[in-house]
Structures are given as C-alpha cells and as structure tokens.
Amino acid sequence: MPSCIAPQRWYGWALQQMVLLLLWIGLSLYAVSGLPSLFDTPPPCRHWGRWLQERAAEFEFHLRSAFPDWGRVLGWPDFWVASLRQQSLSAIMTWLDHHAVSVP
C-alpha cells in the first residue's frame, strides 16, 4: 500500500499531520474542524490525537532507537512536533510499518 494512504482511515497522513500540528500549537478542536477548505465533513480530529497518544510509547521507543537525535526531546507532543520537523507523518508511519510495528 502506498505510504500516502493511511490504512483504515478516510483522510490521508498529510492532512492528519497538519491537523495534529494545528492542535498542538493551540488551535481549538472547534476551530480546526471548522476549516471549510480542509474537510467535506467534520473530521475525527480528537480521535487522531488520542490514537497517536495511545500508541506513543511504543512508536517513540522504536523511533528513538533508530533516530537517536529524536530521543533528546521529552514529552508528548513535543517529541512528535520535533519528529515531524525531520520526517512527514506518512514517512514515520511507513518506517514503523516496515519495522514490524502495527500501524492500523
């Protein structure tokens, strides 16, 4: 499956990355989900954040092992913001998938 396609998800990784970053810089869930140019229907923004946070420990363990510089950032979501400066969410999830980490 191409890395731009997020398995079992309606929206692609790039859009999910943008939404998560907007939430992490302080925009409200209401403000982000109301951006008409991004969505045809209200997106599950809260779900995306929870999904990533629930898997953060496992994902971060593998990513910190492979990319030692990323290990210098502590905490949620600072680790992810720093990681997304280096690689896209699509590339990160593809890397995890190729290294036998379940990315549903």
PDB file of N, CA and C in Angstrom:
ATOM      1  N   MET A   1       0.843  -1.174   0.000  1.00  0.00           N
ATOM      2  CA  MET A   1       0.000   0.000   0.000  1.00  0.00           C
ATOM      3  C   MET A   1       0.892   1.242   0.000  1.00  0.00           C
ATOM      4  N   PRO A   2       0.578   2.238  -0.805  1.00  0.00           N
ATOM      5  CA  PRO A   2       1.398   3.457  -0.835  1.00  0.00           C
ATOM      6  C   PRO A   2       1.430   4.142   0.526  1.00  0.00           C
ATOM      7  N   SER A   3       2.556   4.735   0.845  1.00  0.00           N
ATOM      8  CA  SER A   3       2.719   5.337   2.175  1.00  0.00           C
ATOM      9  C   SER A   3       1.815   6.538   2.393  1.00  0.00           C
ATOM     10  N   CYS A   4       1.318   7.146   1.311  1.00  0.00           N
ATOM     11  CA  CYS A   4       0.444   8.310   1.487  1.00  0.00           C
ATOM     12  C   CYS A   4      -0.944   7.904   1.941  1.00  0.00           C
ATOM     13  N   ILE A   5      -1.285   6.615   1.824  1.00  0.00           N
ATOM     14  CA  ILE A   5      -2.599   6.130   2.233  1.00  0.00           C
ATOM     15  C   ILE A   5      -2.524   5.629   3.662  1.00  0.00           C
ATOM     16  N   ALA A   6      -3.362   6.195   4.498  1.00  0.00           N
ATOM     17  CA  ALA A   6      -3.419   5.773   5.897  1.00  0.00           C
ATOM     18  C   ALA A   6      -4.391   4.600   5.998  1.00  0.00           C
ATOM     19  N   PRO A   7      -3.925   3.423   6.409  1.00  0.00           N
ATOM     20  CA  PRO A   7      -4.803   2.257   6.456  1.00  0.00           C
ATOM     21  C   PRO A   7      -5.971   2.484   7.417  1.00  0.00           C
ATOM     22  N   GLN A   8      -7.141   2.016   7.011  1.00  0.00           N
ATOM     23  CA  GLN A   8      -8.356   2.077   7.817  1.00  0.00           C
ATOM     24  C   GLN A   8      -8.733   3.512   8.191  1.00  0.00           C
ATOM     25  N   ARG A   9      -8.393   4.469   7.362  1.00  0.00           N
ATOM     26  CA  ARG A   9      -8.709   5.874   7.645  1.00  0.00           C
ATOM     27  C   ARG A   9      -9.221   6.544   6.389  1.00  0.00           C
ATOM     28  N   TRP A  10     -10.097   7.481   6.582  1.00  0.00           N
ATOM     29  CA  TRP A  10     -10.699   8.214   5.476  1.00  0.00           C
ATOM     30  C   TRP A  10      -9.753   9.292   4.955  1.00  0.00           C
ATOM     31  N   TYR A  11      -9.031   9.940   5.850  1.00  0.00           N
ATOM     32  CA  TYR A  11      -8.145  11.041   5.486  1.00  0.00           C
ATOM     33  C   TYR A  11      -6.696  10.568   5.444  1.00  0.00           C
ATOM     34  N   GLY A  12      -5.902  11.161   4.559  1.00  0.00           N
ATOM     35  CA  GLY A  12      -4.503  10.783   4.403  1.00  0.00           C
ATOM     36  C   GLY A  12      -3.624  11.295   5.534  1.00  0.00           C
ATOM     37  N   TRP A  13      -2.404  10.787   5.562  1.00  0.00           N
ATOM     38  CA  TRP A  13      -1.453  11.152   6.611  1.00  0.00           C
ATOM     39  C   TRP A  13      -1.126  12.637   6.600  1.00  0.00           C
ATOM     40  N   ALA A  14      -1.004  13.223   5.418  1.00  0.00           N
ATOM     41  CA  ALA A  14      -0.617  14.640   5.331  1.00  0.00           C
ATOM     42  C   ALA A  14      -1.651  15.535   6.000  1.00  0.00           C
ATOM     43  N   LEU A  15      -2.916  15.247   5.769  1.00  0.00           N
ATOM     44  CA  LEU A  15      -3.971  16.038   6.398  1.00  0.00           C
ATOM     45  C   LEU A  15      -3.996  15.807   7.905  1.00  0.00           C
ATOM     46  N   GLN A  16      -3.815  14.564   8.318  1.00  0.00           N
ATOM     47  CA  GLN A  16      -3.780  14.264   9.747  1.00  0.00           C
ATOM     48  C   GLN A  16      -2.606  14.979  10.412  1.00  0.00           C
ATOM     49  N   GLN A  17      -1.461  15.009   9.753  1.00  0.00           N
ATOM     50  CA  GLN A  17      -0.293  15.700  10.296  1.00  0.00           C
ATOM     51  C   GLN A  17      -0.593  17.179  10.475  1.00  0.00           C
ATOM     52  N   MET A  18      -1.187  17.793   9.469  1.00  0.00           N
ATOM     53  CA  MET A  18      -1.493  19.213   9.563  1.00  0.00           C
ATOM     54  C   MET A  18      -2.470  19.493  10.699  1.00  0.00           C
ATOM     55  N   VAL A  19      -3.495  18.670  10.837  1.00  0.00           N
ATOM     56  CA  VAL A  19      -4.478  18.862  11.902  1.00  0.00           C
ATOM     57  C   VAL A  19      -3.825  18.704  13.272  1.00  0.00           C
ATOM     58  N   LEU A  20      -3.021  17.676  13.445  1.00  0.00           N
ATOM     59  CA  LEU A  20      -2.358  17.463  14.737  1.00  0.00           C
ATOM     60  C   LEU A  20      -1.444  18.639  15.082  1.00  0.00           C
ATOM     61  N   LEU A  21      -0.690  19.127  14.110  1.00  0.00           N
ATOM     62  CA  LEU A  21       0.185  20.265  14.372  1.00  0.00           C
ATOM     63  C   LEU A  21      -0.622  21.517  14.736  1.00  0.00           C
ATOM     64  N   LEU A  22      -1.736  21.738  14.069  1.00  0.00           N
ATOM     65  CA  LEU A  22      -2.588  22.885  14.407  1.00  0.00           C
ATOM     66  C   LEU A  22      -3.120  22.773  15.833  1.00  0.00           C
ATOM     67  N   LEU A  23      -3.495  21.571  16.222  1.00  0.00           N
ATOM     68  CA  LEU A  23      -3.979  21.365  17.595  1.00  0.00           C
ATOM     69  C   LEU A  23      -2.852  21.572  18.604  1.00  0.00           C
ATOM     70  N   TRP A  24      -1.665  21.091  18.284  1.00  0.00           N
ATOM     71  CA  TRP A  24      -0.544  21.197  19.209  1.00  0.00           C
ATOM     72  C   TRP A  24      -0.029  22.620  19.357  1.00  0.00           C
ATOM     73  N   ILE A  25      -0.273  23.485  18.361  1.00  0.00           N
ATOM     74  CA  ILE A  25       0.157  24.873  18.526  1.00  0.00           C
ATOM     75  C   ILE A  25      -0.903  25.721  19.210  1.00  0.00           C
ATOM     76  N   GLY A  26      -2.038  25.099  19.530  1.00  0.00           N
ATOM     77  CA  GLY A  26      -3.017  25.803  20.345  1.00  0.00           C
ATOM     78  C   GLY A  26      -4.364  26.100  19.728  1.00  0.00           C
ATOM     79  N   LEU A  27      -4.591  25.751  18.467  1.00  0.00           N
ATOM     80  CA  LEU A  27      -5.917  25.950  17.906  1.00  0.00           C
ATOM     81  C   LEU A  27      -6.903  24.994  18.571  1.00  0.00           C
ATOM     82  N   SER A  28      -8.111  25.434  18.723  1.00  0.00           N
ATOM     83  CA  SER A  28      -9.126  24.589  19.354  1.00  0.00           C
ATOM     84  C   SER A  28      -9.616  23.532  18.370  1.00  0.00           C
ATOM     85  N   LEU A  29     -10.181  22.472  18.925  1.00  0.00           N
ATOM     86  CA  LEU A  29     -10.768  21.415  18.118  1.00  0.00           C
ATOM     87  C   LEU A  29     -11.865  21.995  17.224  1.00  0.00           C
ATOM     88  N   TYR A  30     -12.643  22.897  17.790  1.00  0.00           N
ATOM     89  CA  TYR A  30     -13.728  23.532  17.043  1.00  0.00           C
ATOM     90  C   TYR A  30     -13.175  24.335  15.867  1.00  0.00           C
ATOM     91  N   ALA A  31     -12.118  25.085  16.107  1.00  0.00           N
ATOM     92  CA  ALA A  31     -11.527  25.904  15.046  1.00  0.00           C
ATOM     93  C   ALA A  31     -10.959  25.040  13.930  1.00  0.00           C
ATOM     94  N   VAL A  32     -10.259  23.985  14.284  1.00  0.00           N
ATOM     95  CA  VAL A  32      -9.639  23.121  13.280  1.00  0.00           C
ATOM     96  C   VAL A  32     -10.701  22.377  12.475  1.00  0.00           C
ATOM     97  N   SER A  33     -11.693  21.818  13.144  1.00  0.00           N
ATOM     98  CA  SER A  33     -12.708  21.043  12.420  1.00  0.00           C
ATOM     99  C   SER A  33     -13.610  21.933  11.579  1.00  0.00           C
ATOM    100  N   GLY A  34     -13.595  23.228  11.845  1.00  0.00           N
ATOM    101  CA  GLY A  34     -14.417  24.151  11.085  1.00  0.00           C
ATOM    102  C   GLY A  34     -13.727  24.758   9.881  1.00  0.00           C
ATOM    103  N   LEU A  35     -12.512  24.332   9.580  1.00  0.00           N
ATOM    104  CA  LEU A  35     -11.799  24.870   8.421  1.00  0.00           C
ATOM    105  C   LEU A  35     -12.410  24.290   7.145  1.00  0.00           C
ATOM    106  N   PRO A  36     -13.253  25.049   6.471  1.00  0.00           N
ATOM    107  CA  PRO A  36     -14.005  24.505   5.338  1.00  0.00           C
ATOM    108  C   PRO A  36     -13.141  24.085   4.159  1.00  0.00           C
ATOM    109  N   SER A  37     -11.987  24.684   4.003  1.00  0.00           N
ATOM    110  CA  SER A  37     -11.150  24.322   2.869  1.00  0.00           C
ATOM    111  C   SER A  37     -10.459  22.966   3.050  1.00  0.00           C
ATOM    112  N   LEU A  38     -10.492  22.428   4.266  1.00  0.00           N
ATOM    113  CA  LEU A  38      -9.814  21.157   4.522  1.00  0.00           C
ATOM    114  C   LEU A  38     -10.736  19.951   4.454  1.00  0.00           C
ATOM    115  N   PHE A  39     -11.990  20.116   4.864  1.00  0.00           N
ATOM    116  CA  PHE A  39     -12.841  18.953   5.081  1.00  0.00           C
ATOM    117  C   PHE A  39     -14.190  19.072   4.390  1.00  0.00           C
ATOM    118  N   ASP A  40     -14.657  17.942   3.874  1.00  0.00           N
ATOM    119  CA  ASP A  40     -16.017  17.871   3.357  1.00  0.00           C
ATOM    120  C   ASP A  40     -16.999  17.610   4.495  1.00  0.00           C
ATOM    121  N   THR A  41     -16.560  16.832   5.472  1.00  0.00           N
ATOM    122  CA  THR A  41     -17.360  16.511   6.649  1.00  0.00           C
ATOM    123  C   THR A  41     -16.488  16.745   7.874  1.00  0.00           C
ATOM    124  N   PRO A  42     -17.078  16.928   9.042  1.00  0.00           N
ATOM    125  CA  PRO A  42     -16.251  17.121  10.245  1.00  0.00           C
ATOM    126  C   PRO A  42     -15.308  15.934  10.458  1.00  0.00           C
ATOM    127  N   PRO A  43     -14.029  16.188  10.586  1.00  0.00           N
ATOM    128  CA  PRO A  43     -13.055  15.101  10.746  1.00  0.00           C
ATOM    129  C   PRO A  43     -12.987  14.624  12.198  1.00  0.00           C
ATOM    130  N   PRO A  44     -12.481  13.425  12.382  1.00  0.00           N
ATOM    131  CA  PRO A  44     -12.318  12.893  13.736  1.00  0.00           C
ATOM    132  C   PRO A  44     -11.009  13.360  14.377  1.00  0.00           C
ATOM    133  N   CYS A  45     -10.806  14.670  14.467  1.00  0.00           N
ATOM    134  CA  CYS A  45      -9.542  15.233  14.964  1.00  0.00           C
ATOM    135  C   CYS A  45      -9.186  14.710  16.350  1.00  0.00           C
ATOM    136  N   ARG A  46     -10.138  14.706  17.235  1.00  0.00           N
ATOM    137  CA  ARG A  46      -9.874  14.245  18.603  1.00  0.00           C
ATOM    138  C   ARG A  46      -9.414  12.791  18.581  1.00  0.00           C
ATOM    139  N   HIS A  47     -10.034  12.003  17.724  1.00  0.00           N
ATOM    140  CA  HIS A  47      -9.678  10.584  17.604  1.00  0.00           C
ATOM    141  C   HIS A  47      -8.226  10.428  17.155  1.00  0.00           C
ATOM    142  N   TRP A  48      -7.793  11.251  16.188  1.00  0.00           N
ATOM    143  CA  TRP A  48      -6.420  11.143  15.695  1.00  0.00           C
ATOM    144  C   TRP A  48      -5.422  11.420  16.808  1.00  0.00           C
ATOM    145  N   GLY A  49      -5.681  12.440  17.605  1.00  0.00           N
ATOM    146  CA  GLY A  49      -4.780  12.758  18.711  1.00  0.00           C
ATOM    147  C   GLY A  49      -4.731  11.649  19.741  1.00  0.00           C
ATOM    148  N   ARG A  50      -5.905  11.120  20.088  1.00  0.00           N
ATOM    149  CA  ARG A  50      -5.959  10.018  21.065  1.00  0.00           C
ATOM    150  C   ARG A  50      -5.277   8.779  20.526  1.00  0.00           C
ATOM    151  N   TRP A  51      -5.517   8.485  19.244  1.00  0.00           N
ATOM    152  CA  TRP A  51      -4.925   7.300  18.631  1.00  0.00           C
ATOM    153  C   TRP A  51      -3.402   7.366  18.726  1.00  0.00           C
ATOM    154  N   LEU A  52      -2.837   8.511  18.372  1.00  0.00           N
ATOM    155  CA  LEU A  52      -1.385   8.658  18.401  1.00  0.00           C
ATOM    156  C   LEU A  52      -0.864   8.633  19.834  1.00  0.00           C
ATOM    157  N   GLN A  53      -1.569   9.282  20.744  1.00  0.00           N
ATOM    158  CA  GLN A  53      -1.118   9.319  22.128  1.00  0.00           C
ATOM    159  C   GLN A  53      -1.162   7.931  22.766  1.00  0.00           C
ATOM    160  N   GLU A  54      -2.172   7.133  22.440  1.00  0.00           N
ATOM    161  CA  GLU A  54      -2.268   5.771  22.988  1.00  0.00           C
ATOM    162  C   GLU A  54      -1.122   4.887  22.513  1.00  0.00           C
ATOM    163  N   ARG A  55      -0.590   5.164  21.344  1.00  0.00           N
ATOM    164  CA  ARG A  55       0.485   4.345  20.789  1.00  0.00           C
ATOM    165  C   ARG A  55       1.851   5.012  20.912  1.00  0.00           C
ATOM    166  N   ALA A  56       1.878   6.170  21.508  1.00  0.00           N
ATOM    167  CA  ALA A  56       3.109   6.967  21.563  1.00  0.00           C
ATOM    168  C   ALA A  56       4.274   6.216  22.201  1.00  0.00           C
ATOM    169  N   ALA A  57       4.042   5.535  23.295  1.00  0.00           N
ATOM    170  CA  ALA A  57       5.149   4.856  23.992  1.00  0.00           C
ATOM    171  C   ALA A  57       5.819   3.834  23.071  1.00  0.00           C
ATOM    172  N   GLU A  58       5.020   3.015  22.410  1.00  0.00           N
ATOM    173  CA  GLU A  58       5.593   2.002  21.517  1.00  0.00           C
ATOM    174  C   GLU A  58       6.249   2.655  20.301  1.00  0.00           C
ATOM    175  N   PHE A  59       5.550   3.600  19.666  1.00  0.00           N
ATOM    176  CA  PHE A  59       6.100   4.260  18.492  1.00  0.00           C
ATOM    177  C   PHE A  59       7.385   4.993  18.843  1.00  0.00           C
ATOM    178  N   GLU A  60       7.375   5.736  19.947  1.00  0.00           N
ATOM    179  CA  GLU A  60       8.542   6.521  20.342  1.00  0.00           C
ATOM    180  C   GLU A  60       9.726   5.625  20.676  1.00  0.00           C
ATOM    181  N   PHE A  61       9.477   4.482  21.308  1.00  0.00           N
ATOM    182  CA  PHE A  61      10.560   3.553  21.617  1.00  0.00           C
ATOM    183  C   PHE A  61      11.305   3.152  20.350  1.00  0.00           C
ATOM    184  N   HIS A  62      10.573   2.745  19.335  1.00  0.00           N
ATOM    185  CA  HIS A  62      11.192   2.314  18.080  1.00  0.00           C
ATOM    186  C   HIS A  62      11.865   3.475  17.358  1.00  0.00           C
ATOM    187  N   LEU A  63      11.214   4.619  17.343  1.00  0.00           N
ATOM    188  CA  LEU A  63      11.780   5.772  16.641  1.00  0.00           C
ATOM    189  C   LEU A  63      13.013   6.317  17.341  1.00  0.00           C
ATOM    190  N   ARG A  64      12.994   6.374  18.669  1.00  0.00           N
ATOM    191  CA  ARG A  64      14.170   6.860  19.413  1.00  0.00           C
ATOM    192  C   ARG A  64      15.355   5.910  19.244  1.00  0.00           C
ATOM    193  N   SER A  65      15.059   4.612  19.116  1.00  0.00           N
ATOM    194  CA  SER A  65      16.129   3.631  18.915  1.00  0.00           C
ATOM    195  C   SER A  65      16.791   3.813  17.546  1.00  0.00           C
ATOM    196  N   ALA A  66      15.988   4.117  16.549  1.00  0.00           N
ATOM    197  CA  ALA A  66      16.507   4.242  15.190  1.00  0.00           C
ATOM    198  C   ALA A  66      17.058   5.631  14.885  1.00  0.00           C
ATOM    199  N   PHE A  67      16.481   6.642  15.518  1.00  0.00           N
ATOM    200  CA  PHE A  67      16.875   8.032  15.268  1.00  0.00           C
ATOM    201  C   PHE A  67      17.278   8.662  16.608  1.00  0.00           C
ATOM    202  N   PRO A  68      18.518   8.449  17.037  1.00  0.00           N
ATOM    203  CA  PRO A  68      18.955   8.877  18.370  1.00  0.00           C
ATOM    204  C   PRO A  68      18.749  10.363  18.654  1.00  0.00           C
ATOM    205  N   ASP A  69      18.881  11.209  17.672  1.00  0.00           N
ATOM    206  CA  ASP A  69      18.697  12.644  17.911  1.00  0.00           C
ATOM    207  C   ASP A  69      17.278  12.972  18.358  1.00  0.00           C
ATOM    208  N   TRP A  70      16.314  12.163  17.943  1.00  0.00           N
ATOM    209  CA  TRP A  70      14.931  12.403  18.335  1.00  0.00           C
ATOM    210  C   TRP A  70      14.736  12.122  19.824  1.00  0.00           C
ATOM    211  N   GLY A  71      15.611  11.316  20.400  1.00  0.00           N
ATOM    212  CA  GLY A  71      15.498  10.963  21.809  1.00  0.00           C
ATOM    213  C   GLY A  71      15.797  12.116  22.751  1.00  0.00           C
ATOM    214  N   ARG A  72      16.309  13.198  22.220  1.00  0.00           N
ATOM    215  CA  ARG A  72      16.648  14.352  23.061  1.00  0.00           C
ATOM    216  C   ARG A  72      15.424  15.167  23.446  1.00  0.00           C
ATOM    217  N   VAL A  73      14.311  14.904  22.811  1.00  0.00           N
ATOM    218  CA  VAL A  73      13.079  15.633  23.095  1.00  0.00           C
ATOM    219  C   VAL A  73      12.210  14.775  24.001  1.00  0.00           C
ATOM    220  N   LEU A  74      11.808  15.346  25.118  1.00  0.00           N
ATOM    221  CA  LEU A  74      10.979  14.608  26.057  1.00  0.00           C
ATOM    222  C   LEU A  74       9.543  15.071  25.976  1.00  0.00           C
ATOM    223  N   GLY A  75       8.663  14.174  26.308  1.00  0.00           N
ATOM    224  CA  GLY A  75       7.272  14.546  26.483  1.00  0.00           C
ATOM    225  C   GLY A  75       6.426  14.494  25.231  1.00  0.00           C
ATOM    226  N   TRP A  76       5.169  14.471  25.496  1.00  0.00           N
ATOM    227  CA  TRP A  76       4.132  14.454  24.470  1.00  0.00           C
ATOM    228  C   TRP A  76       3.537  15.841  24.416  1.00  0.00           C
ATOM    229  N   PRO A  77       3.300  16.482  23.356  1.00  0.00           N
ATOM    230  CA  PRO A  77       3.565  16.102  21.973  1.00  0.00           C
ATOM    231  C   PRO A  77       4.873  16.661  21.430  1.00  0.00           C
ATOM    232  N   ASP A  78       5.734  17.175  22.315  1.00  0.00           N
ATOM    233  CA  ASP A  78       6.990  17.777  21.856  1.00  0.00           C
ATOM    234  C   ASP A  78       7.821  16.826  20.998  1.00  0.00           C
ATOM    235  N   PHE A  79       7.829  15.548  21.390  1.00  0.00           N
ATOM    236  CA  PHE A  79       8.554  14.556  20.600  1.00  0.00           C
ATOM    237  C   PHE A  79       8.028  14.524  19.174  1.00  0.00           C
ATOM    238  N   TRP A  80       6.718  14.545  19.034  1.00  0.00           N
ATOM    239  CA  TRP A  80       6.111  14.440  17.706  1.00  0.00           C
ATOM    240  C   TRP A  80       6.322  15.704  16.887  1.00  0.00           C
ATOM    241  N   VAL A  81       6.244  16.833  17.499  1.00  0.00           N
ATOM    242  CA  VAL A  81       6.495  18.083  16.781  1.00  0.00           C
ATOM    243  C   VAL A  81       7.928  18.077  16.249  1.00  0.00           C
ATOM    244  N   ALA A  82       8.876  17.686  17.091  1.00  0.00           N
ATOM    245  CA  ALA A  82      10.277  17.618  16.669  1.00  0.00           C
ATOM    246  C   ALA A  82      10.477  16.568  15.572  1.00  0.00           C
ATOM    247  N   SER A  83       9.819  15.439  15.707  1.00  0.00           N
ATOM    248  CA  SER A  83       9.940  14.374  14.709  1.00  0.00           C
ATOM    249  C   SER A  83       9.389  14.811  13.359  1.00  0.00           C
ATOM    250  N   LEU A  84       8.273  15.526  13.408  1.00  0.00           N
ATOM    251  CA  LEU A  84       7.642  15.969  12.166  1.00  0.00           C
ATOM    252  C   LEU A  84       8.426  17.077  11.477  1.00  0.00           C
ATOM    253  N   ARG A  85       9.379  17.650  12.172  1.00  0.00           N
ATOM    254  CA  ARG A  85      10.306  18.587  11.521  1.00  0.00           C
ATOM    255  C   ARG A  85      11.324  17.827  10.675  1.00  0.00           C
ATOM    256  N   GLN A  86      11.551  16.571  11.025  1.00  0.00           N
ATOM    257  CA  GLN A  86      12.538  15.743  10.336  1.00  0.00           C
ATOM    258  C   GLN A  86      11.921  14.920   9.205  1.00  0.00           C
ATOM    259  N   GLN A  87      10.732  14.357   9.470  1.00  0.00           N
ATOM    260  CA  GLN A  87      10.071  13.495   8.501  1.00  0.00           C
ATOM    261  C   GLN A  87       8.565  13.729   8.571  1.00  0.00           C
ATOM    262  N   SER A  88       7.887  13.394   7.498  1.00  0.00           N
ATOM    263  CA  SER A  88       6.436  13.523   7.486  1.00  0.00           C
ATOM    264  C   SER A  88       5.804  12.396   8.305  1.00  0.00           C
ATOM    265  N   LEU A  89       4.569  12.599   8.707  1.00  0.00           N
ATOM    266  CA  LEU A  89       3.841  11.550   9.433  1.00  0.00           C
ATOM    267  C   LEU A  89       3.725  10.304   8.562  1.00  0.00           C
ATOM    268  N   SER A  90       3.528  10.501   7.281  1.00  0.00           N
ATOM    269  CA  SER A  90       3.456   9.379   6.350  1.00  0.00           C
ATOM    270  C   SER A  90       4.761   8.581   6.359  1.00  0.00           C
ATOM    271  N   ALA A  91       5.891   9.264   6.277  1.00  0.00           N
ATOM    272  CA  ALA A  91       7.190   8.579   6.278  1.00  0.00           C
ATOM    273  C   ALA A  91       7.440   7.877   7.602  1.00  0.00           C
ATOM    274  N   ILE A  92       7.059   8.508   8.701  1.00  0.00           N
ATOM    275  CA  ILE A  92       7.250   7.896  10.021  1.00  0.00           C
ATOM    276  C   ILE A  92       6.410   6.635  10.150  1.00  0.00           C
ATOM    277  N   MET A  93       5.140   6.713   9.765  1.00  0.00           N
ATOM    278  CA  MET A  93       4.255   5.550   9.879  1.00  0.00           C
ATOM    279  C   MET A  93       4.682   4.440   8.926  1.00  0.00           C
ATOM    280  N   THR A  94       5.178   4.802   7.753  1.00  0.00           N
ATOM    281  CA  THR A  94       5.679   3.796   6.808  1.00  0.00           C
ATOM    282  C   THR A  94       6.908   3.114   7.395  1.00  0.00           C
ATOM    283  N   TRP A  95       7.807   3.900   7.985  1.00  0.00           N
ATOM    284  CA  TRP A  95       9.006   3.315   8.604  1.00  0.00           C
ATOM    285  C   TRP A  95       8.602   2.343   9.711  1.00  0.00           C
ATOM    286  N   LEU A  96       7.668   2.761  10.569  1.00  0.00           N
ATOM    287  CA  LEU A  96       7.212   1.883  11.654  1.00  0.00           C
ATOM    288  C   LEU A  96       6.610   0.595  11.094  1.00  0.00           C
ATOM    289  N   ASP A  97       5.776   0.732  10.075  1.00  0.00           N
ATOM    290  CA  ASP A  97       5.139  -0.431   9.470  1.00  0.00           C
ATOM    291  C   ASP A  97       6.171  -1.394   8.897  1.00  0.00           C
ATOM    292  N   HIS A  98       7.215  -0.855   8.267  1.00  0.00           N
ATOM    293  CA  HIS A  98       8.259  -1.699   7.696  1.00  0.00           C
ATOM    294  C   HIS A  98       9.159  -2.336   8.749  1.00  0.00           C
ATOM    295  N   HIS A  99       9.048  -1.860   9.971  1.00  0.00           N
ATOM    296  CA  HIS A  99       9.841  -2.426  11.065  1.00  0.00           C
ATOM    297  C   HIS A  99       8.950  -3.189  12.054  1.00  0.00           C
ATOM    298  N   ALA A 100       7.903  -3.781  11.510  1.00  0.00           N
ATOM    299  CA  ALA A 100       7.018  -4.700  12.233  1.00  0.00           C
ATOM    300  C   ALA A 100       6.291  -4.077  13.418  1.00  0.00           C
ATOM    301  N   VAL A 101       6.023  -2.789  13.339  1.00  0.00           N
ATOM    302  CA  VAL A 101       5.209  -2.133  14.358  1.00  0.00           C
ATOM    303  C   VAL A 101       3.831  -1.950  13.752  1.00  0.00           C
ATOM    304  N   SER A 102       2.818  -2.406  14.444  1.00  0.00           N
ATOM    305  CA  SER A 102       1.462  -2.338  13.930  1.00  0.00           C
ATOM    306  C   SER A 102       0.981  -0.880  13.854  1.00  0.00           C
ATOM    307  N   VAL A 103       0.614  -0.467  12.656  1.00  0.00           N
ATOM    308  CA  VAL A 103       0.079   0.878  12.430  1.00  0.00           C
ATOM    309  C   VAL A 103      -1.283   0.707  11.768  1.00  0.00           C
ATOM    310  N   PRO A 104      -2.314   0.497  12.578  1.00  0.00           N
ATOM    311  CA  PRO A 104      -3.638   0.279  11.970  1.00  0.00           C
ATOM    312  C   PRO A 104      -4.215   1.548  11.382  1.00  0.00           C
TER     313      PRO A 104
END
